[in-house]
Amino acid sequence: MKVRIDGFCVGCGLCAKTCPEMFELPDGADVARVKAPEVSATAEEACRRAAGKCPVDNIRVEGERGGATEGAPPRAYVCRRKESGGESND
């Protein structure tokens, strides 16, 4: 089984919290990354849960039996992280 982040990542960190063996959100990073494309047998279930929790549906799991997330297209919307700082009243 293989996993990848496909498309726009909002950097929420849910994947890294759900499956830290496969995903990480390094300090100061705006996006998560896959630690290794090959999913270990012990991380398969957590990896599938992480894919299901992605708020922008951009985690792709390939080669899994049943194929629920295999090759699924990304959702039509994109969430963007809010910029920190004050609002402008201009």
C-alpha atoms as a PDB file:
ATOM      1  CA  MET A   1       0.000   0.000   0.000  1.00  0.00           C
ATOM      2  CA  LYS A   2       1.244   3.488  -0.864  1.00  0.00           C
ATOM      3  CA  VAL A   3       0.184   6.947   0.291  1.00  0.00           C
ATOM      4  CA  ARG A   4       0.691  10.472  -0.996  1.00  0.00           C
ATOM      5  CA  ILE A   5      -0.604  13.979  -0.393  1.00  0.00           C
ATOM      6  CA  ASP A   6      -2.137  15.087  -3.660  1.00  0.00           C
ATOM      7  CA  GLY A   7      -3.050  18.714  -4.185  1.00  0.00           C
ATOM      8  CA  PHE A   8      -3.370  21.592  -1.774  1.00  0.00           C
ATOM      9  CA  CYS A   9      -2.615  20.864   1.898  1.00  0.00           C
ATOM     10  CA  VAL A  10      -4.010  23.327   4.453  1.00  0.00           C
ATOM     11  CA  GLY A  11      -1.515  22.301   7.136  1.00  0.00           C
ATOM     12  CA  CYS A  12      -4.108  21.382   9.753  1.00  0.00           C
ATOM     13  CA  GLY A  13      -1.959  18.488  11.015  1.00  0.00           C
ATOM     14  CA  LEU A  14      -4.790  15.948  11.380  1.00  0.00           C
ATOM     15  CA  CYS A  15      -2.899  13.380   9.319  1.00  0.00           C
ATOM     16  CA  ALA A  16       0.229  13.711  11.480  1.00  0.00           C
ATOM     17  CA  LYS A  17      -1.830  13.396  14.668  1.00  0.00           C
ATOM     18  CA  THR A  18      -3.791  10.424  13.334  1.00  0.00           C
ATOM     19  CA  CYS A  19      -0.863   8.537  11.775  1.00  0.00           C
ATOM     20  CA  PRO A  20       2.480   9.941  12.984  1.00  0.00           C
ATOM     21  CA  GLU A  21       4.302   6.925  11.554  1.00  0.00           C
ATOM     22  CA  MET A  22       3.467   8.070   8.010  1.00  0.00           C
ATOM     23  CA  PHE A  23       2.854  11.847   8.150  1.00  0.00           C
ATOM     24  CA  GLU A  24       4.581  14.837   9.686  1.00  0.00           C
ATOM     25  CA  LEU A  25       4.032  18.560   9.954  1.00  0.00           C
ATOM     26  CA  PRO A  26       7.504  19.933  10.689  1.00  0.00           C
ATOM     27  CA  ASP A  27       7.846  22.991  12.924  1.00  0.00           C
ATOM     28  CA  GLY A  28       7.342  26.114  10.857  1.00  0.00           C
ATOM     29  CA  ALA A  29       5.939  24.199   7.877  1.00  0.00           C
ATOM     30  CA  ASP A  30       2.679  25.204   6.214  1.00  0.00           C
ATOM     31  CA  VAL A  31       1.973  21.769   4.759  1.00  0.00           C
ATOM     32  CA  ALA A  32       2.197  18.172   5.921  1.00  0.00           C
ATOM     33  CA  ARG A  33       4.407  15.649   4.196  1.00  0.00           C
ATOM     34  CA  VAL A  34       4.583  11.891   3.835  1.00  0.00           C
ATOM     35  CA  LYS A  35       7.568  10.372   5.648  1.00  0.00           C
ATOM     36  CA  ALA A  36       7.777   7.380   3.285  1.00  0.00           C
ATOM     37  CA  PRO A  37       5.483   6.423   0.384  1.00  0.00           C
ATOM     38  CA  GLU A  38       5.266   2.737   1.365  1.00  0.00           C
ATOM     39  CA  VAL A  39       2.830   2.176   4.233  1.00  0.00           C
ATOM     40  CA  SER A  40       3.943  -0.379   6.811  1.00  0.00           C
ATOM     41  CA  ALA A  41       1.490  -3.111   7.747  1.00  0.00           C
ATOM     42  CA  THR A  42       1.225  -1.692  11.270  1.00  0.00           C
ATOM     43  CA  ALA A  43       0.246   1.775   9.955  1.00  0.00           C
ATOM     44  CA  GLU A  44      -2.343   0.773   7.326  1.00  0.00           C
ATOM     45  CA  GLU A  45      -5.455   1.331   9.447  1.00  0.00           C
ATOM     46  CA  ALA A  46      -4.215   4.644  10.882  1.00  0.00           C
ATOM     47  CA  CYS A  47      -3.229   5.763   7.389  1.00  0.00           C
ATOM     48  CA  ARG A  48      -6.749   5.076   6.088  1.00  0.00           C
ATOM     49  CA  ARG A  49      -8.214   7.000   9.051  1.00  0.00           C
ATOM     50  CA  ALA A  50      -5.908   9.943   8.292  1.00  0.00           C
ATOM     51  CA  ALA A  51      -7.077   9.951   4.662  1.00  0.00           C
ATOM     52  CA  GLY A  52     -10.685   9.993   5.834  1.00  0.00           C
ATOM     53  CA  LYS A  53     -10.062  12.922   8.194  1.00  0.00           C
ATOM     54  CA  CYS A  54      -8.328  15.185   5.668  1.00  0.00           C
ATOM     55  CA  PRO A  55     -10.549  18.294   5.445  1.00  0.00           C
ATOM     56  CA  VAL A  56      -9.633  18.867   1.787  1.00  0.00           C
ATOM     57  CA  ASP A  57      -9.619  15.164   0.823  1.00  0.00           C
ATOM     58  CA  ASN A  58      -6.080  15.275  -0.587  1.00  0.00           C
ATOM     59  CA  ILE A  59      -4.542  12.126   0.896  1.00  0.00           C
ATOM     60  CA  ARG A  60      -4.423   9.310  -1.641  1.00  0.00           C
ATOM     61  CA  VAL A  61      -4.087   5.691  -0.574  1.00  0.00           C
ATOM     62  CA  GLU A  62      -3.156   3.367  -3.447  1.00  0.00           C
ATOM     63  CA  GLY A  63      -3.134  -0.380  -3.650  1.00  0.00           C
ATOM     64  CA  GLU A  64      -5.410  -1.011  -0.716  1.00  0.00           C
ATOM     65  CA  ARG A  65      -7.871  -3.862  -0.810  1.00  0.00           C
ATOM     66  CA  GLY A  66     -11.387  -2.520  -1.253  1.00  0.00           C
ATOM     67  CA  GLY A  67     -10.143   0.677  -2.902  1.00  0.00           C
ATOM     68  CA  ALA A  68     -12.383   3.124  -1.008  1.00  0.00           C
ATOM     69  CA  THR A  69      -9.906   5.992  -1.374  1.00  0.00           C
ATOM     70  CA  GLU A  70      -7.943   4.611  -4.308  1.00  0.00           C
ATOM     71  CA  GLY A  71      -7.858   7.144  -7.127  1.00  0.00           C
ATOM     72  CA  ALA A  72     -10.624   9.295  -5.630  1.00  0.00           C
ATOM     73  CA  PRO A  73     -10.732  12.778  -7.160  1.00  0.00           C
ATOM     74  CA  PRO A  74     -10.104  15.762  -4.872  1.00  0.00           C
ATOM     75  CA  ARG A  75     -13.088  17.710  -3.587  1.00  0.00           C
ATOM     76  CA  ALA A  76     -14.072  20.776  -5.569  1.00  0.00           C
ATOM     77  CA  TYR A  77     -13.360  23.252  -2.769  1.00  0.00           C
ATOM     78  CA  VAL A  78     -10.058  24.401  -1.319  1.00  0.00           C
ATOM     79  CA  CYS A  79      -9.643  25.635   2.245  1.00  0.00           C
ATOM     80  CA  ARG A  80      -6.920  28.183   2.843  1.00  0.00           C
ATOM     81  CA  ARG A  81      -5.130  28.871   6.084  1.00  0.00           C
ATOM     82  CA  LYS A  82      -5.844  32.349   7.449  1.00  0.00           C
ATOM     83  CA  GLU A  83      -2.882  34.672   7.510  1.00  0.00           C
ATOM     84  CA  SER A  84      -1.856  35.730  10.998  1.00  0.00           C
ATOM     85  CA  GLY A  85      -1.922  39.358  11.895  1.00  0.00           C
ATOM     86  CA  GLY A  86      -4.465  42.099  12.127  1.00  0.00           C
ATOM     87  CA  GLU A  87      -7.198  42.929   9.686  1.00  0.00           C
ATOM     88  CA  SER A  88      -6.930  45.967   7.489  1.00  0.00           C
ATOM     89  CA  ASN A  89      -9.742  48.485   7.629  1.00  0.00           C
ATOM     90  CA  ASP A  90      -8.797  50.095   4.305  1.00  0.00           C
END
